[in-house]
């Protein structure tokens, strides 16, 4: 890359939000801090929910590194309440995980979805008393 291209490249602004940037960089600590400070776990940027972006990043990192797939980003987002059923352009994080063959993310989303459904049902019963 010549000097002019480097200067032009440095002028390009980052279009990711801080949470999406943390996902892009697989920066678990920063993502956790941002979510703990109140960022929306269902945030959408560039037509991606954070959970979609996490699934895509986890698959990309595994493909590029040759290492086994990791699901830490997915787990963090689900722990902070990300909705795997939230659709953007008629696609959900489940759709992305199925298409990208990220079985671990699918299992995590199933467990969290079941847990959230059970918790909601339990709280509905408590309120009726």
Protein backbone atom coordinates (compact mmCIF):
# COMPACT_ATOMS: atom_id res chain seq x y z
CA UNK A 1 0.00 0.00 0.00
CA UNK A 2 1.51 3.35 -0.93
CA UNK A 3 1.54 6.40 1.36
CA UNK A 4 -1.55 7.96 -0.22
CA UNK A 5 -3.64 4.82 0.29
CA UNK A 6 -2.56 4.54 3.93
CA UNK A 7 -3.60 8.15 4.59
CA UNK A 8 -6.95 7.55 2.89
CA UNK A 9 -7.45 4.33 4.86
CA UNK A 10 -6.83 6.15 8.14
CA UNK A 11 -9.57 8.67 7.30
CA UNK A 12 -12.24 5.97 7.05
CA UNK A 13 -14.45 6.13 10.09
CA UNK A 14 -15.39 3.00 11.98
CA UNK A 15 -19.06 2.35 11.29
CA UNK A 16 -19.47 -0.17 14.12
CA UNK A 17 -20.96 0.83 17.45
CA UNK A 18 -18.70 0.13 20.45
CA UNK A 19 -20.54 -3.14 21.19
CA UNK A 20 -20.32 -4.30 17.58
CA UNK A 21 -16.64 -3.33 17.49
CA UNK A 22 -16.02 -5.49 20.55
CA UNK A 23 -17.78 -8.39 18.82
CA UNK A 24 -15.78 -7.83 15.63
CA UNK A 25 -12.54 -7.97 17.61
CA UNK A 26 -13.72 -10.90 19.78
CA UNK A 27 -13.01 -8.68 22.78
CA UNK A 28 -15.03 -10.51 25.44
CA UNK A 29 -14.04 -8.25 28.33
CA UNK A 30 -14.98 -5.04 26.52
CA UNK A 31 -18.25 -6.51 25.26
CA UNK A 32 -19.17 -7.60 28.78
CA UNK A 33 -18.30 -4.17 30.21
CA UNK A 34 -20.33 -2.35 27.54
CA UNK A 35 -23.36 -4.57 28.12
CA UNK A 36 -23.00 -4.28 31.89
CA UNK A 37 -22.99 -0.49 31.53
CA UNK A 38 -26.39 -0.70 29.85
CA UNK A 39 -25.88 -1.17 26.11
CA UNK A 40 -28.79 -2.92 24.41
CA UNK A 41 -27.97 -6.60 23.81
CA UNK A 42 -30.39 -6.45 20.84
CA UNK A 43 -28.65 -3.49 19.21
CA UNK A 44 -28.70 -3.50 15.39
CA UNK A 45 -25.90 -2.02 13.29
CA UNK A 46 -25.37 -2.50 9.56
CA UNK A 47 -28.39 -4.83 9.40
CA UNK A 48 -26.91 -7.17 12.05
CA UNK A 49 -28.02 -7.79 15.59
CA UNK A 50 -25.15 -8.23 18.01
CA UNK A 51 -26.02 -11.92 18.20
CA UNK A 52 -25.90 -12.34 14.40
CA UNK A 53 -22.59 -10.52 14.35
CA UNK A 54 -21.23 -12.74 17.15
CA UNK A 55 -22.20 -15.92 15.32
CA UNK A 56 -20.61 -14.66 12.11
CA UNK A 57 -17.43 -13.62 13.94
CA UNK A 58 -17.13 -16.92 15.79
CA UNK A 59 -17.42 -18.88 12.55
CA UNK A 60 -14.99 -16.56 10.71
CA UNK A 61 -12.37 -16.79 13.47
CA UNK A 62 -12.58 -20.60 13.51
CA UNK A 63 -12.34 -20.80 9.72
CA UNK A 64 -9.40 -18.40 9.54
CA UNK A 65 -7.46 -19.83 12.47
CA UNK A 66 -8.18 -23.50 12.00
CA UNK A 67 -9.03 -23.67 15.71
CA UNK A 68 -12.27 -25.20 17.03
CA UNK A 69 -15.25 -22.87 16.99
CA UNK A 70 -15.80 -20.81 20.13
CA UNK A 71 -19.16 -19.57 21.40
CA UNK A 72 -18.10 -17.11 24.12
CA UNK A 73 -19.51 -14.06 22.33
CA UNK A 74 -22.85 -15.81 21.83
CA UNK A 75 -22.95 -16.87 25.49
CA UNK A 76 -22.17 -13.36 26.74
CA UNK A 77 -24.90 -11.81 24.60
CA UNK A 78 -27.47 -14.41 25.63
CA UNK A 79 -26.56 -13.88 29.29
CA UNK A 80 -27.29 -10.17 28.83
CA UNK A 81 -30.68 -10.89 27.26
CA UNK A 82 -30.08 -10.91 23.50
CA UNK A 83 -33.13 -12.27 21.71
CA UNK A 84 -32.23 -15.08 19.27
CA UNK A 85 -35.66 -14.66 17.65
CA UNK A 86 -35.23 -10.95 16.81
CA UNK A 87 -35.51 -10.63 13.03
CA UNK A 88 -33.68 -8.17 10.82
CA UNK A 89 -34.64 -8.38 7.15
CA UNK A 90 -36.66 -11.51 7.98
CA UNK A 91 -33.60 -13.32 9.40
CA UNK A 92 -32.83 -14.22 13.00
CA UNK A 93 -29.68 -15.27 14.80
CA UNK A 94 -31.04 -18.83 14.62
CA UNK A 95 -31.12 -18.55 10.82
CA UNK A 96 -27.51 -17.35 10.77
CA UNK A 97 -26.34 -20.13 13.08
CA UNK A 98 -28.08 -22.78 10.97
CA UNK A 99 -26.76 -21.40 7.70
CA UNK A 100 -23.21 -21.10 9.06
CA UNK A 101 -23.46 -24.51 10.79
CA UNK A 102 -22.66 -23.14 14.23
CA UNK A 103 -24.19 -25.97 16.26
CA UNK A 104 -22.83 -24.74 19.58
CA UNK A 105 -24.60 -21.37 19.14
CA UNK A 106 -27.84 -23.17 18.25
CA UNK A 107 -27.65 -25.27 21.41
CA UNK A 108 -26.90 -22.19 23.53
CA UNK A 109 -29.82 -20.27 22.02
CA UNK A 110 -32.11 -23.27 22.62
CA UNK A 111 -31.06 -23.47 26.27
CA UNK A 112 -31.41 -19.75 26.88
CA UNK A 113 -34.74 -19.59 25.03
CA UNK A 114 -36.11 -22.46 27.09
CA UNK A 115 -34.79 -20.91 30.29
CA UNK A 116 -36.31 -17.52 29.49
CA UNK A 117 -39.67 -19.13 28.65
CA UNK A 118 -39.62 -21.06 31.93
CA UNK A 119 -38.69 -17.93 33.91
CA UNK A 120 -41.47 -15.90 32.28
CA UNK A 121 -44.01 -18.62 33.04
CA UNK A 122 -42.82 -18.83 36.64
CA UNK A 123 -43.13 -15.06 37.14
CA UNK A 124 -46.60 -15.05 35.56
CA UNK A 125 -47.67 -17.69 38.11
CA UNK A 126 -46.19 -15.70 41.00
CA UNK A 127 -48.02 -12.54 39.96
CA UNK A 128 -51.39 -14.32 39.88
CA UNK A 129 -51.20 -15.35 43.52
